[in-house]
Amino acid sequence: MNYFKHFDGLALSILERMQAAGDLPDGIDFSRVSAGSPRDPAHGDVALNAAMVLAKQAGMKPRELATRIAASLAQHEDIESAEVAGPGFINIRAAASFWPARLAEILAAGRDYGASDIGAGRTVNVEYVSANPTGPLHVGHGRGAVFGDALAALLEKAGHTVVREYYVNDAGSQVDTLAQSALLRMREAQGEDIGEIPEGLYPGDYLKAVGIALAKLPDSEQTLDGARTVAVEMMMDSIREDLAAAGIKQDLFSSERALVEAGRVEAAVAALEAKGLVYVGVLEPPKGKLPDDWEARPQTLFRASEFGDDTDRPLKKSDGSWTYFATDIAYHFDKYERGSDTLIDVWGADHGGYVKRVAAAMQALTGKKDTLDVKLCQLVKLMRDGKPVIMSKRAGTFVTLREVIDEVGADVVRFMMLTRKNDAPLEFDLARALEQSRDNPVFYVQYAHARCRSVLRHAEEAGADVSVAGLAAADLGLLNDPEETSLVKQLASWPRMVEQAAEAHEPHRVAFFLQETAAAFHQLWNKGREDTTLRFIQEDAPELTKSRLALVSAVTTVIGSGLAVIGVEAAEEM
């Protein structure tokens, strides 16, 4: 249960009774009443905004209304106190009996604890990675891959139907460059000394295998088209292997070339034309540096400026072919028409300037402002002992994602990629990532889970019933130490955290929550080392032991639930 919604419900029932009694006028809109966290946890467990948002409608001063609401709230058995603070907020402190019931809910739900129905089955398409198939994935791709995969799992946890998608850019000049590079490597495989790789071609050693494959084909297939097909297939096979090594799942790989050949670009542009949003005109030269797609000639343009973009945008090049933007419009429209209510794109930060035009096109086509949400992932700076890591010899210009996974493991990569908000730069120190200390967040969280599992194993070996049924029978009211109560509150906040993170499209919040939960558990563990009466297993107090084992089991449940969302293993022992 999202206990904040529980207090929302209590407040609403009180407001409705006040209205029925004539203390509040009819017709008041209660939809903005919500319970949140107080700025200072010392002020209580929940802060209610009811008086602040209803005072004007009620014709009362906020503090006056808050005082009346608080007086009624304080009478409820789940509430220890309700006090008015500031201009009219109500700080609620839950009764001591409220928290053991939350612990029972966690035990009953198991790993499903925190699941929500706020998504109501709505379909969300999350497109992530979508790296050009011109080489292996680098560390920057890895950040977007982890972010997108965790976001997809988070949205599923919140009740959405999710489609995980990869857009394969297998058309255009970059793929032509890949094919030319592969043909050069084919000549190398045939024994020719190719010398230095010419500037403009891809220099990485990963293309040697493609050259060998091309050299085995009949002469009639050793063409630019043949090289393009073979190279893209082999690069995508390599990318899929790298994604699998990172535990990244995709439901669908969509081809740009197939999209174009199916006439989807013409269909999307026709949909814009039907709305009167395509015209032929000459764009004014923009101030400052000229963008690549600006030309001083009549062009087929989309009225992007009518939907928040800085200028109208070209749909055709001077040779009559479609611009990349036109193809991108078609791709996003195709995703929408397949039945996705919301589209989420995960892009690198270098694509930030492209967001407005795509958002404008989707608003134009769908009539909705919030169909598309683009999440930009900032760069990853790979370090070792505080010093930048040199580029990969295999890739030629960067460190590959697979090299990092092979060194530190997929769990470490996934967790570390979520230790910063997606739009903040990330320093990934390989040495720190392997430390077994509290400074290493993934170790700190996995160690908390492993410690809990160790406690439960030892208790079971000593004859304790640590099954869900056995622990559910415990007297959870015996957990009255402030550190125990604090830990229960932290665990009980998981459902609300899931909903908030899903609504904000911010999976990094899960990693932060897990670190806070692990810290609360380790703090209780360390307190027990100093004070033996606080240890989980008390040989002379079997009922207290059972209650504390229930708490330990709940910690494993919540940490395991959170780690599952971000795709990290819940370690049994370390």
Protein backbone atom coordinates (compact mmCIF):
# COMPACT_ATOMS: atom_id res chain seq x y z
CA MET A 1 0.00 0.00 0.00
CA ASN A 2 1.14 3.51 -0.82
CA TYR A 3 0.58 4.84 2.70
CA PHE A 4 0.53 8.44 1.48
CA LYS A 5 -2.60 7.55 -0.50
CA HIS A 6 -4.02 6.06 2.72
CA PHE A 7 -3.73 9.44 4.40
CA ASP A 8 -5.09 11.10 1.25
CA GLY A 9 -8.14 8.92 1.67
CA LEU A 10 -8.50 9.76 5.37
CA ALA A 11 -8.31 13.46 4.59
CA LEU A 12 -10.87 13.16 1.79
CA SER A 13 -13.35 11.31 4.00
CA ILE A 14 -13.03 14.02 6.68
CA LEU A 15 -13.49 16.78 4.09
CA GLU A 16 -16.60 15.08 2.73
CA ARG A 17 -18.04 14.78 6.25
CA MET A 18 -17.30 18.46 6.88
CA GLN A 19 -19.07 19.30 3.64
CA ALA A 20 -22.08 17.15 4.54
CA ALA A 21 -22.27 18.89 7.92
CA GLY A 22 -22.28 22.29 6.23
CA ASP A 23 -18.80 23.26 7.46
CA LEU A 24 -17.60 23.42 3.85
CA PRO A 25 -19.60 24.71 0.88
CA ASP A 26 -20.86 22.38 -1.85
CA GLY A 27 -19.00 22.16 -5.14
CA ILE A 28 -15.47 22.27 -3.72
CA ASP A 29 -12.89 20.54 -5.90
CA PHE A 30 -10.88 18.13 -3.73
CA SER A 31 -8.70 16.81 -6.58
CA ARG A 32 -5.62 18.84 -5.59
CA VAL A 33 -5.53 17.53 -2.02
CA SER A 34 -2.46 15.35 -1.58
CA ALA A 35 -0.19 13.95 1.09
CA GLY A 36 3.57 14.24 0.71
CA SER A 37 6.74 14.11 2.74
CA PRO A 38 7.44 16.88 5.27
CA ARG A 39 10.50 18.99 4.54
CA ASP A 40 11.97 17.82 7.84
CA PRO A 41 11.27 14.18 8.88
CA ALA A 42 11.30 15.37 12.49
CA HIS A 43 8.02 17.15 11.80
CA GLY A 44 6.12 13.94 11.12
CA ASP A 45 5.51 11.20 8.59
CA VAL A 46 3.17 12.98 6.17
CA ALA A 47 2.48 16.59 5.21
CA LEU A 48 -1.06 17.37 3.99
CA ASN A 49 -1.78 20.37 1.74
CA ALA A 50 -5.60 20.29 2.06
CA ALA A 51 -6.05 23.66 3.79
CA MET A 52 -3.64 25.39 1.41
CA VAL A 53 -5.46 24.31 -1.76
CA LEU A 54 -9.03 24.54 -0.41
CA ALA A 55 -8.99 27.73 1.69
CA LYS A 56 -10.00 30.08 -1.12
CA GLN A 57 -12.89 27.86 -2.23
CA ALA A 58 -13.97 27.43 1.40
CA GLY A 59 -13.81 31.17 2.06
CA MET A 60 -11.55 30.60 5.06
CA LYS A 61 -7.99 31.41 6.07
CA PRO A 62 -5.65 28.43 5.50
CA ARG A 63 -4.61 28.08 9.15
CA GLU A 64 -8.23 28.24 10.32
CA LEU A 65 -9.25 25.49 7.91
CA ALA A 66 -6.12 23.48 8.71
CA THR A 67 -6.91 23.60 12.43
CA ARG A 68 -10.37 22.15 11.84
CA ILE A 69 -9.09 19.40 9.53
CA ALA A 70 -6.24 18.52 11.91
CA ALA A 71 -8.60 18.20 14.85
CA SER A 72 -10.64 15.59 12.98
CA LEU A 73 -7.59 13.75 11.68
CA ALA A 74 -6.15 13.44 15.18
CA GLN A 75 -9.17 11.32 16.19
CA HIS A 76 -8.33 8.52 13.75
CA GLU A 77 -6.71 5.36 15.14
CA ASP A 78 -3.91 5.45 12.51
CA ILE A 79 -2.84 8.95 13.55
CA GLU A 80 -0.88 9.86 16.66
CA SER A 81 -0.92 13.60 16.01
CA ALA A 82 -1.92 16.15 13.36
CA GLU A 83 -0.38 19.59 13.82
CA VAL A 84 -0.73 22.77 11.79
CA ALA A 85 2.56 24.21 10.54
CA GLY A 86 3.53 27.35 8.64
CA PRO A 87 0.78 29.03 6.66
CA GLY A 88 -1.50 25.99 6.84
CA PHE A 89 0.17 22.68 6.16
CA ILE A 90 -0.82 19.75 8.37
CA ASN A 91 1.97 17.53 9.63
CA ILE A 92 0.74 14.05 10.45
CA ARG A 93 2.53 11.57 12.65
CA ALA A 94 1.28 8.01 12.19
CA ALA A 95 0.36 5.94 15.24
CA ALA A 96 2.89 3.35 16.40
CA SER A 97 0.43 0.59 15.46
CA PHE A 98 0.34 1.78 11.85
CA TRP A 99 3.85 0.64 10.93
CA PRO A 100 3.74 -3.06 11.91
CA ALA A 101 0.79 -3.46 9.55
CA ARG A 102 2.93 -2.13 6.70
CA LEU A 103 5.56 -4.75 7.51
CA ALA A 104 2.90 -7.45 7.30
CA GLU A 105 1.94 -6.17 3.85
CA ILE A 106 5.52 -6.45 2.66
CA LEU A 107 5.79 -10.06 3.84
CA ALA A 108 2.49 -10.98 2.20
CA ALA A 109 3.31 -9.34 -1.15
CA GLY A 110 6.87 -10.59 -1.50
CA ARG A 111 8.78 -9.30 -4.54
CA ASP A 112 5.52 -7.89 -5.91
CA TYR A 113 5.56 -5.31 -3.12
CA GLY A 114 5.62 -1.85 -4.61
CA ALA A 115 3.76 -2.84 -7.77
CA SER A 116 1.20 -0.24 -8.75
CA ASP A 117 -1.72 0.12 -11.12
CA ILE A 118 -1.24 3.82 -11.92
CA GLY A 119 -0.22 2.84 -15.46
CA ALA A 120 -3.66 1.29 -15.90
CA GLY A 121 -2.29 -0.88 -18.70
CA ARG A 122 -1.45 2.11 -20.91
CA THR A 123 1.17 1.27 -23.51
CA VAL A 124 4.52 3.05 -23.41
CA ASN A 125 7.15 2.64 -26.12
CA VAL A 126 10.64 3.09 -24.70
CA GLU A 127 13.25 3.39 -27.43
CA TYR A 128 16.80 3.18 -26.19
CA VAL A 129 20.35 2.47 -27.33
CA SER A 130 19.56 2.79 -31.09
CA ALA A 131 23.28 3.19 -31.74
CA ASN A 132 24.27 3.37 -35.40
CA PRO A 133 25.35 -0.14 -36.48
CA THR A 134 28.80 1.13 -37.45
CA GLY A 135 30.75 -0.37 -34.55
CA PRO A 136 30.55 -1.83 -31.06
CA LEU A 137 28.71 -0.09 -28.24
CA HIS A 138 30.80 2.33 -26.21
CA VAL A 139 30.42 3.28 -22.55
CA GLY A 140 28.18 6.22 -23.40
CA HIS A 141 25.79 3.88 -25.20
CA GLY A 142 25.87 1.75 -22.07
CA ARG A 143 24.47 4.56 -19.96
CA GLY A 144 21.50 5.04 -22.25
CA ALA A 145 21.00 1.28 -22.47
CA VAL A 146 20.89 0.83 -18.70
CA PHE A 147 18.72 3.91 -18.22
CA GLY A 148 16.21 2.79 -20.84
CA ASP A 149 16.09 -0.79 -19.63
CA ALA A 150 15.59 0.25 -15.99
CA LEU A 151 12.96 2.81 -16.99
CA ALA A 152 11.06 0.14 -18.93
CA ALA A 153 11.10 -2.20 -15.91
CA LEU A 154 10.04 0.64 -13.61
CA LEU A 155 7.09 1.52 -15.84
CA GLU A 156 6.04 -2.13 -15.87
CA LYS A 157 6.25 -2.17 -12.07
CA ALA A 158 3.86 0.80 -12.09
CA GLY A 159 1.31 -0.99 -14.26
CA HIS A 160 2.18 0.11 -17.79
CA THR A 161 2.41 -2.16 -20.80
CA VAL A 162 5.89 -1.50 -22.18
CA VAL A 163 7.44 -2.02 -25.61
CA ARG A 164 11.26 -1.95 -25.56
CA GLU A 165 12.55 -0.86 -28.94
CA TYR A 166 15.82 -0.35 -30.80
CA TYR A 167 15.80 1.76 -33.97
CA VAL A 168 18.39 0.45 -36.43
CA ASN A 169 19.75 3.32 -38.54
CA ASP A 170 20.61 1.07 -41.49
CA ALA A 171 20.15 3.72 -44.17
CA GLY A 172 22.09 6.87 -44.93
CA SER A 173 25.66 8.07 -45.32
CA GLN A 174 27.08 6.51 -42.17
CA VAL A 175 26.10 3.02 -43.30
CA ASP A 176 27.63 3.76 -46.70
CA THR A 177 30.86 4.72 -44.91
CA LEU A 178 30.65 1.46 -42.97
CA ALA A 179 30.30 -0.49 -46.21
CA GLN A 180 33.30 1.27 -47.75
CA SER A 181 35.34 0.56 -44.62
CA ALA A 182 34.31 -3.10 -44.77
CA LEU A 183 35.35 -3.37 -48.43
CA LEU A 184 38.76 -1.99 -47.49
CA ARG A 185 39.08 -4.67 -44.80
CA MET A 186 38.00 -7.26 -47.40
CA ARG A 187 40.96 -6.29 -49.55
CA GLU A 188 43.15 -6.64 -46.46
CA ALA A 189 41.74 -10.13 -45.87
CA GLN A 190 42.59 -10.98 -49.48
CA GLY A 191 46.24 -10.18 -48.79
CA GLU A 192 46.49 -6.58 -49.92
CA ASP A 193 48.54 -4.12 -47.87
CA ILE A 194 45.98 -1.37 -47.25
CA GLY A 195 48.33 0.86 -45.23
CA GLU A 196 46.79 3.47 -42.93
CA ILE A 197 42.99 3.63 -42.81
CA PRO A 198 42.01 6.72 -44.85
CA GLU A 199 40.47 9.59 -42.94
CA GLY A 200 36.68 9.40 -42.99
CA LEU A 201 36.52 5.60 -42.81
CA TYR A 202 36.06 3.59 -39.62
CA PRO A 203 39.49 2.48 -38.32
CA GLY A 204 38.52 -0.08 -35.65
CA ASP A 205 39.87 -3.64 -35.75
CA TYR A 206 36.31 -4.92 -35.26
CA LEU A 207 35.81 -4.56 -39.03
CA LYS A 208 38.50 -7.16 -39.81
CA ALA A 209 35.98 -9.96 -39.19
CA VAL A 210 33.54 -8.27 -41.58
CA GLY A 211 36.28 -8.06 -44.22
CA ILE A 212 37.02 -11.77 -43.84
CA ALA A 213 33.32 -12.59 -44.25
CA LEU A 214 33.10 -10.45 -47.40
CA ALA A 215 36.20 -12.08 -48.85
CA LYS A 216 34.41 -15.46 -48.74
CA LEU A 217 31.49 -14.22 -50.83
CA PRO A 218 31.27 -14.55 -54.63
CA ASP A 219 32.71 -11.62 -56.57
CA SER A 220 29.20 -10.57 -57.61
CA GLU A 221 28.31 -9.93 -53.93
CA GLN A 222 31.48 -8.02 -53.05
CA THR A 223 29.76 -4.72 -53.84
CA LEU A 224 28.81 -1.66 -51.83
CA ASP A 225 25.28 -3.04 -51.38
CA GLY A 226 26.60 -6.46 -50.42
CA ALA A 227 29.08 -4.96 -47.97
CA ARG A 228 26.35 -2.77 -46.47
CA THR A 229 24.09 -5.78 -45.85
CA VAL A 230 26.79 -8.02 -44.37
CA ALA A 231 28.36 -5.27 -42.26
CA VAL A 232 25.06 -4.15 -40.72
CA GLU A 233 24.04 -7.74 -39.94
CA MET A 234 27.39 -8.50 -38.30
CA MET A 235 27.47 -5.23 -36.37
CA MET A 236 23.94 -5.77 -35.08
CA ASP A 237 24.84 -9.33 -34.04
CA SER A 238 27.77 -7.89 -32.09
CA ILE A 239 25.58 -5.19 -30.54
CA ARG A 240 22.99 -7.78 -29.48
CA GLU A 241 25.73 -9.81 -27.81
CA ASP A 242 26.94 -6.73 -25.92
CA LEU A 243 23.41 -5.89 -24.82
CA ALA A 244 22.87 -9.46 -23.64
CA ALA A 245 26.11 -9.29 -21.62
CA ALA A 246 24.71 -6.20 -19.88
CA GLY A 247 21.35 -7.85 -19.29
CA ILE A 248 19.64 -5.39 -21.64
CA LYS A 249 16.41 -6.62 -23.21
CA GLN A 250 14.74 -5.36 -26.38
CA ASP A 251 11.36 -6.51 -27.67
CA LEU A 252 11.75 -5.07 -31.14
CA PHE A 253 14.47 -3.98 -33.56
CA SER A 254 13.00 -1.61 -36.16
CA SER A 255 14.80 -0.97 -39.44
CA GLU A 256 15.04 2.52 -40.91
CA ARG A 257 15.57 1.04 -44.37
CA ALA A 258 12.41 -1.08 -44.05
CA LEU A 259 10.47 1.96 -42.86
CA VAL A 260 11.52 3.97 -45.92
CA GLU A 261 10.87 1.12 -48.34
CA ALA A 262 7.39 0.61 -46.89
CA GLY A 263 6.46 4.20 -47.81
CA ARG A 264 6.01 5.30 -44.21
CA VAL A 265 7.82 8.61 -44.82
CA GLU A 266 5.41 9.55 -47.60
CA ALA A 267 2.49 8.57 -45.35
CA ALA A 268 3.70 10.73 -42.45
CA VAL A 269 4.35 13.74 -44.66
CA ALA A 270 0.93 13.27 -46.27
CA ALA A 271 -0.63 13.35 -42.78
CA LEU A 272 1.10 16.68 -42.14
CA GLU A 273 0.05 18.01 -45.55
CA ALA A 274 -3.56 17.11 -44.77
CA LYS A 275 -3.31 19.40 -41.75
CA GLY A 276 -1.89 22.23 -43.85
CA LEU A 277 1.49 22.00 -42.15
CA VAL A 278 3.75 21.48 -45.20
CA TYR A 279 4.69 24.23 -47.63
CA VAL A 280 7.43 25.27 -50.03
CA GLY A 281 9.45 28.26 -48.90
CA VAL A 282 12.88 29.74 -48.30
CA LEU A 283 14.12 29.81 -44.72
CA GLU A 284 15.74 32.93 -43.32
CA PRO A 285 19.37 32.28 -42.39
CA PRO A 286 19.49 31.64 -38.63
CA LYS A 287 21.61 33.82 -36.39
CA GLY A 288 25.01 32.49 -35.40
CA LYS A 289 26.35 29.22 -36.77
CA LEU A 290 24.35 27.87 -39.71
CA PRO A 291 22.83 24.41 -39.12
CA ASP A 292 23.61 21.59 -41.55
CA ASP A 293 20.09 21.50 -42.96
CA TRP A 294 19.86 25.19 -43.92
CA GLU A 295 19.98 26.06 -47.62
CA ALA A 296 19.24 29.36 -49.41
CA ARG A 297 16.70 27.84 -51.82
CA PRO A 298 13.01 26.94 -51.96
CA GLN A 299 12.44 23.85 -49.81
CA THR A 300 9.65 21.57 -48.69
CA LEU A 301 9.17 22.67 -45.08
CA PHE A 302 7.24 21.54 -42.01
CA ARG A 303 5.67 24.34 -39.94
CA ALA A 304 7.54 23.28 -36.80
CA SER A 305 7.59 26.83 -35.43
CA GLU A 306 3.82 26.61 -34.87
CA PHE A 307 4.49 23.89 -32.29
CA GLY A 308 7.28 25.39 -30.23
CA ASP A 309 10.32 24.83 -32.45
CA ASP A 310 12.72 27.68 -33.22
CA THR A 311 12.15 27.56 -36.97
CA ASP A 312 10.39 25.57 -39.66
CA ARG A 313 12.26 22.45 -40.77
CA PRO A 314 13.20 21.00 -44.19
CA LEU A 315 11.69 17.67 -45.19
CA LYS A 316 13.61 17.19 -48.44
CA LYS A 317 17.24 17.59 -49.48
CA SER A 318 18.37 19.41 -52.62
CA ASP A 319 18.56 16.08 -54.50
CA GLY A 320 14.89 15.37 -53.70
CA SER A 321 15.55 12.67 -51.11
CA TRP A 322 14.04 12.86 -47.63
CA THR A 323 15.93 14.55 -44.84
CA TYR A 324 16.81 12.52 -41.78
CA PHE A 325 14.19 14.57 -39.93
CA ALA A 326 11.46 13.43 -42.33
CA THR A 327 12.44 9.83 -41.74
CA ASP A 328 12.45 10.42 -38.00
CA ILE A 329 8.93 11.90 -38.17
CA ALA A 330 7.79 8.76 -39.97
CA TYR A 331 9.42 6.49 -37.40
CA HIS A 332 7.84 8.24 -34.42
CA PHE A 333 4.45 8.40 -36.13
CA ASP A 334 4.77 4.68 -36.87
CA LYS A 335 5.44 3.94 -33.19
CA TYR A 336 2.42 5.99 -32.20
CA GLU A 337 0.14 4.33 -34.75
CA ARG A 338 1.20 0.90 -33.51
CA GLY A 339 -0.72 1.69 -30.33
CA SER A 340 1.63 3.40 -27.90
CA ASP A 341 0.01 6.10 -25.77
CA THR A 342 3.38 7.56 -24.77
CA LEU A 343 6.72 7.52 -26.58
CA ILE A 344 9.95 7.81 -24.60
CA ASP A 345 13.23 8.28 -26.47
CA VAL A 346 16.56 7.88 -24.70
CA TRP A 347 19.21 9.89 -26.55
CA GLY A 348 22.74 11.04 -25.98
CA ALA A 349 23.15 14.62 -24.80
CA ASP A 350 24.64 15.60 -28.18
CA HIS A 351 21.15 15.23 -29.67
CA GLY A 352 19.64 17.85 -27.36
CA GLY A 353 19.15 20.36 -30.15
CA TYR A 354 17.00 17.88 -32.05
CA VAL A 355 14.34 17.47 -29.37
CA LYS A 356 12.13 20.47 -30.20
CA ARG A 357 11.63 19.56 -33.85
CA VAL A 358 10.65 15.95 -33.17
CA ALA A 359 8.35 17.00 -30.32
CA ALA A 360 6.79 19.59 -32.65
CA ALA A 361 6.14 16.95 -35.32
CA MET A 362 4.51 14.58 -32.84
CA GLN A 363 2.31 17.33 -31.43
CA ALA A 364 1.27 18.23 -34.95
CA LEU A 365 0.44 14.65 -35.87
CA THR A 366 -1.25 13.56 -32.64
CA GLY A 367 -2.76 16.80 -31.37
CA LYS A 368 -1.18 16.13 -27.95
CA LYS A 369 1.69 17.94 -26.26
CA ASP A 370 2.78 15.08 -24.02
CA THR A 371 3.00 12.16 -26.47
CA LEU A 372 6.80 12.27 -26.62
CA ASP A 373 9.28 12.52 -23.75
CA VAL A 374 12.96 12.64 -24.71
CA LYS A 375 15.42 11.75 -21.96
CA LEU A 376 18.97 12.92 -22.63
CA CYS A 377 21.88 11.01 -21.12
CA GLN A 378 25.02 12.98 -20.45
CA LEU A 379 28.53 11.70 -21.14
CA VAL A 380 30.27 9.04 -19.07
CA LYS A 381 33.84 9.83 -18.09
CA LEU A 382 35.66 6.55 -17.54
CA MET A 383 38.35 6.77 -14.86
CA ARG A 384 40.80 4.50 -13.08
CA ASP A 385 42.19 5.70 -9.74
CA GLY A 386 41.15 9.23 -10.65
CA LYS A 387 42.81 9.22 -14.09
CA PRO A 388 41.03 9.02 -17.48
CA VAL A 389 41.09 5.62 -19.15
CA ILE A 390 42.74 5.58 -22.58
CA MET A 391 40.81 4.59 -25.68
CA SER A 392 40.29 1.00 -26.77
CA LYS A 393 42.62 -0.53 -29.33
CA ARG A 394 39.80 -2.67 -30.67
CA ALA A 395 37.36 0.17 -31.23
CA GLY A 396 39.96 2.63 -32.42
CA THR A 397 38.48 5.73 -30.80
CA PHE A 398 36.68 4.76 -27.59
CA VAL A 399 36.36 2.24 -24.76
CA THR A 400 33.73 -0.38 -25.53
CA LEU A 401 30.90 -1.26 -23.18
CA ARG A 402 31.87 -4.94 -23.39
CA GLU A 403 35.39 -4.21 -22.15
CA VAL A 404 33.99 -2.50 -19.05
CA ILE A 405 31.51 -5.32 -18.41
CA ASP A 406 34.26 -7.91 -18.72
CA GLU A 407 36.35 -6.02 -16.16
CA VAL A 408 33.81 -5.12 -13.46
CA GLY A 409 30.69 -7.16 -14.26
CA ALA A 410 27.22 -6.28 -15.52
CA ASP A 411 25.77 -5.65 -12.04
CA VAL A 412 28.37 -3.00 -11.29
CA VAL A 413 27.93 -1.33 -14.68
CA ARG A 414 24.15 -1.22 -14.35
CA PHE A 415 24.10 0.17 -10.81
CA MET A 416 26.86 2.71 -11.37
CA MET A 417 25.11 4.06 -14.48
CA LEU A 418 22.15 4.97 -12.25
CA THR A 419 24.09 6.72 -9.49
CA ARG A 420 23.48 10.06 -11.19
CA LYS A 421 20.41 11.59 -12.81
CA ASN A 422 20.49 10.93 -16.54
CA ASP A 423 21.09 14.57 -17.51
CA ALA A 424 24.07 14.96 -15.13
CA PRO A 425 27.62 13.98 -16.18
CA LEU A 426 28.84 10.70 -14.70
CA GLU A 427 32.34 9.72 -13.63
CA PHE A 428 32.74 5.95 -13.62
CA ASP A 429 35.87 4.96 -11.69
CA LEU A 430 36.73 1.33 -12.44
CA ALA A 431 38.87 0.93 -9.31
CA ARG A 432 36.16 2.28 -7.02
CA ALA A 433 33.58 0.08 -8.72
CA LEU A 434 35.45 -3.01 -7.49
CA GLU A 435 35.99 -1.83 -3.91
CA GLN A 436 34.25 -3.72 -1.14
CA SER A 437 33.37 -0.69 0.93
CA ARG A 438 30.46 1.64 1.63
CA ASP A 439 31.94 4.01 -0.95
CA ASN A 440 30.93 1.50 -3.61
CA PRO A 441 27.12 1.80 -3.84
CA VAL A 442 26.46 -1.51 -5.60
CA PHE A 443 28.53 -3.42 -3.05
CA TYR A 444 26.87 -1.53 -0.20
CA VAL A 445 23.37 -2.47 -1.38
CA GLN A 446 24.16 -6.07 -2.33
CA TYR A 447 25.97 -6.54 0.98
CA ALA A 448 22.86 -5.43 2.87
CA HIS A 449 20.81 -8.08 1.05
CA ALA A 450 23.50 -10.74 1.60
CA ARG A 451 23.69 -9.87 5.31
CA CYS A 452 19.93 -10.28 5.63
CA ARG A 453 20.02 -13.63 3.87
CA SER A 454 22.84 -14.75 6.16
CA VAL A 455 20.80 -13.85 9.27
CA LEU A 456 17.82 -15.79 7.97
CA ARG A 457 19.95 -18.84 7.07
CA HIS A 458 21.53 -18.92 10.54
CA ALA A 459 18.14 -18.58 12.18
CA GLU A 460 16.72 -21.40 10.06
CA GLU A 461 19.69 -23.63 10.88
CA ALA A 462 18.95 -22.95 14.55
CA GLY A 463 15.39 -24.18 14.08
CA ALA A 464 13.48 -20.92 13.47
CA ASP A 465 10.59 -20.86 11.02
CA VAL A 466 11.57 -18.16 8.53
CA SER A 467 8.83 -18.95 6.02
CA VAL A 468 6.41 -16.19 5.10
CA ALA A 469 3.65 -17.96 7.04
CA GLY A 470 5.89 -18.38 10.06
CA LEU A 471 7.05 -14.76 10.13
CA ALA A 472 3.56 -13.44 9.43
CA ALA A 473 2.52 -14.86 12.82
CA ALA A 474 5.09 -12.70 14.62
CA ASP A 475 4.04 -9.96 17.02
CA LEU A 476 5.32 -7.06 14.93
CA GLY A 477 4.37 -4.61 17.66
CA LEU A 478 7.51 -5.72 19.50
CA LEU A 479 9.59 -3.72 17.02
CA ASN A 480 9.67 -0.50 19.01
CA ASP A 481 13.30 0.64 18.85
CA PRO A 482 13.54 3.97 16.97
CA GLU A 483 16.03 2.46 14.50
CA GLU A 484 13.65 -0.43 13.81
CA THR A 485 10.71 1.91 13.27
CA SER A 486 12.81 4.12 11.01
CA LEU A 487 13.74 1.11 8.89
CA VAL A 488 10.11 0.00 8.62
CA LYS A 489 9.14 3.50 7.46
CA GLN A 490 11.85 3.39 4.82
CA LEU A 491 10.64 0.03 3.54
CA ALA A 492 7.02 1.19 3.53
CA SER A 493 7.90 4.17 1.32
CA TRP A 494 8.85 1.86 -1.59
CA PRO A 495 5.39 1.81 -3.26
CA ARG A 496 5.20 5.61 -3.34
CA MET A 497 8.75 5.83 -4.61
CA VAL A 498 7.90 3.46 -7.49
CA GLU A 499 4.96 5.61 -8.53
CA GLN A 500 6.85 8.89 -8.27
CA ALA A 501 9.87 7.59 -10.19
CA ALA A 502 7.66 6.07 -12.89
CA GLU A 503 5.64 9.26 -13.33
CA ALA A 504 8.84 11.32 -13.56
CA HIS A 505 10.55 8.77 -15.86
CA GLU A 506 13.54 8.75 -13.47
CA PRO A 507 14.87 5.26 -12.66
CA HIS A 508 17.90 6.69 -10.87
CA ARG A 509 15.56 7.29 -7.93
CA VAL A 510 15.43 3.52 -7.43
CA ALA A 511 19.21 3.35 -7.03
CA PHE A 512 19.10 6.24 -4.56
CA PHE A 513 16.30 4.57 -2.60
CA LEU A 514 18.24 1.31 -2.42
CA GLN A 515 21.30 3.09 -1.05
CA GLU A 516 19.15 4.79 1.62
CA THR A 517 17.54 1.46 2.53
CA ALA A 518 20.89 -0.30 2.76
CA ALA A 519 22.22 2.52 4.96
CA ALA A 520 19.23 2.20 7.32
CA PHE A 521 19.75 -1.54 7.61
CA HIS A 522 23.53 -1.33 8.12
CA GLN A 523 22.94 1.32 10.78
CA LEU A 524 20.63 -1.04 12.69
CA TRP A 525 23.13 -3.89 12.24
CA ASN A 526 25.97 -1.80 13.63
CA LYS A 527 23.84 -0.68 16.56
CA GLY A 528 23.27 -4.33 17.39
CA ARG A 529 27.02 -4.93 17.48
CA GLU A 530 27.33 -2.33 20.21
CA ASP A 531 24.12 -3.22 22.07
CA THR A 532 23.51 -6.97 22.16
CA THR A 533 19.83 -6.49 23.11
CA LEU A 534 19.23 -5.08 19.64
CA ARG A 535 20.61 -8.06 17.74
CA PHE A 536 18.22 -9.83 15.45
CA ILE A 537 18.50 -13.22 17.09
CA GLN A 538 17.79 -13.27 20.84
CA GLU A 539 18.09 -16.84 22.14
CA ASP A 540 16.14 -16.08 25.32
CA ALA A 541 13.39 -14.11 23.53
CA PRO A 542 11.91 -16.25 20.72
CA GLU A 543 8.94 -13.94 20.00
CA LEU A 544 11.15 -10.88 19.73
CA THR A 545 13.50 -12.87 17.51
CA LYS A 546 10.62 -13.83 15.22
CA SER A 547 9.57 -10.17 14.93
CA ARG A 548 13.08 -9.06 14.06
CA LEU A 549 13.47 -11.86 11.55
CA ALA A 550 10.27 -10.60 9.94
CA LEU A 551 11.90 -7.18 9.63
CA VAL A 552 15.05 -8.72 8.14
CA SER A 553 12.95 -10.70 5.66
CA ALA A 554 11.10 -7.52 4.67
CA VAL A 555 14.43 -5.82 3.96
CA THR A 556 15.40 -8.63 1.57
CA THR A 557 12.00 -8.31 -0.11
CA VAL A 558 12.22 -4.57 -0.72
CA ILE A 559 15.89 -4.51 -1.71
CA GLY A 560 15.29 -7.50 -3.98
CA SER A 561 12.28 -5.75 -5.53
CA GLY A 562 14.31 -2.61 -6.19
CA LEU A 563 17.31 -4.46 -7.59
CA ALA A 564 15.01 -6.38 -9.94
CA VAL A 565 13.78 -3.07 -11.37
CA ILE A 566 17.29 -1.92 -12.22
CA GLY A 567 18.39 -5.39 -13.33
CA VAL A 568 20.97 -6.08 -10.63
CA GLU A 569 21.33 -9.42 -8.84
CA ALA A 570 20.23 -9.63 -5.21
CA ALA A 571 23.30 -11.36 -3.77
CA GLU A 572 22.70 -14.31 -1.44
CA GLU A 573 26.17 -14.15 0.08
CA MET A 574 29.33 -12.09 -0.28
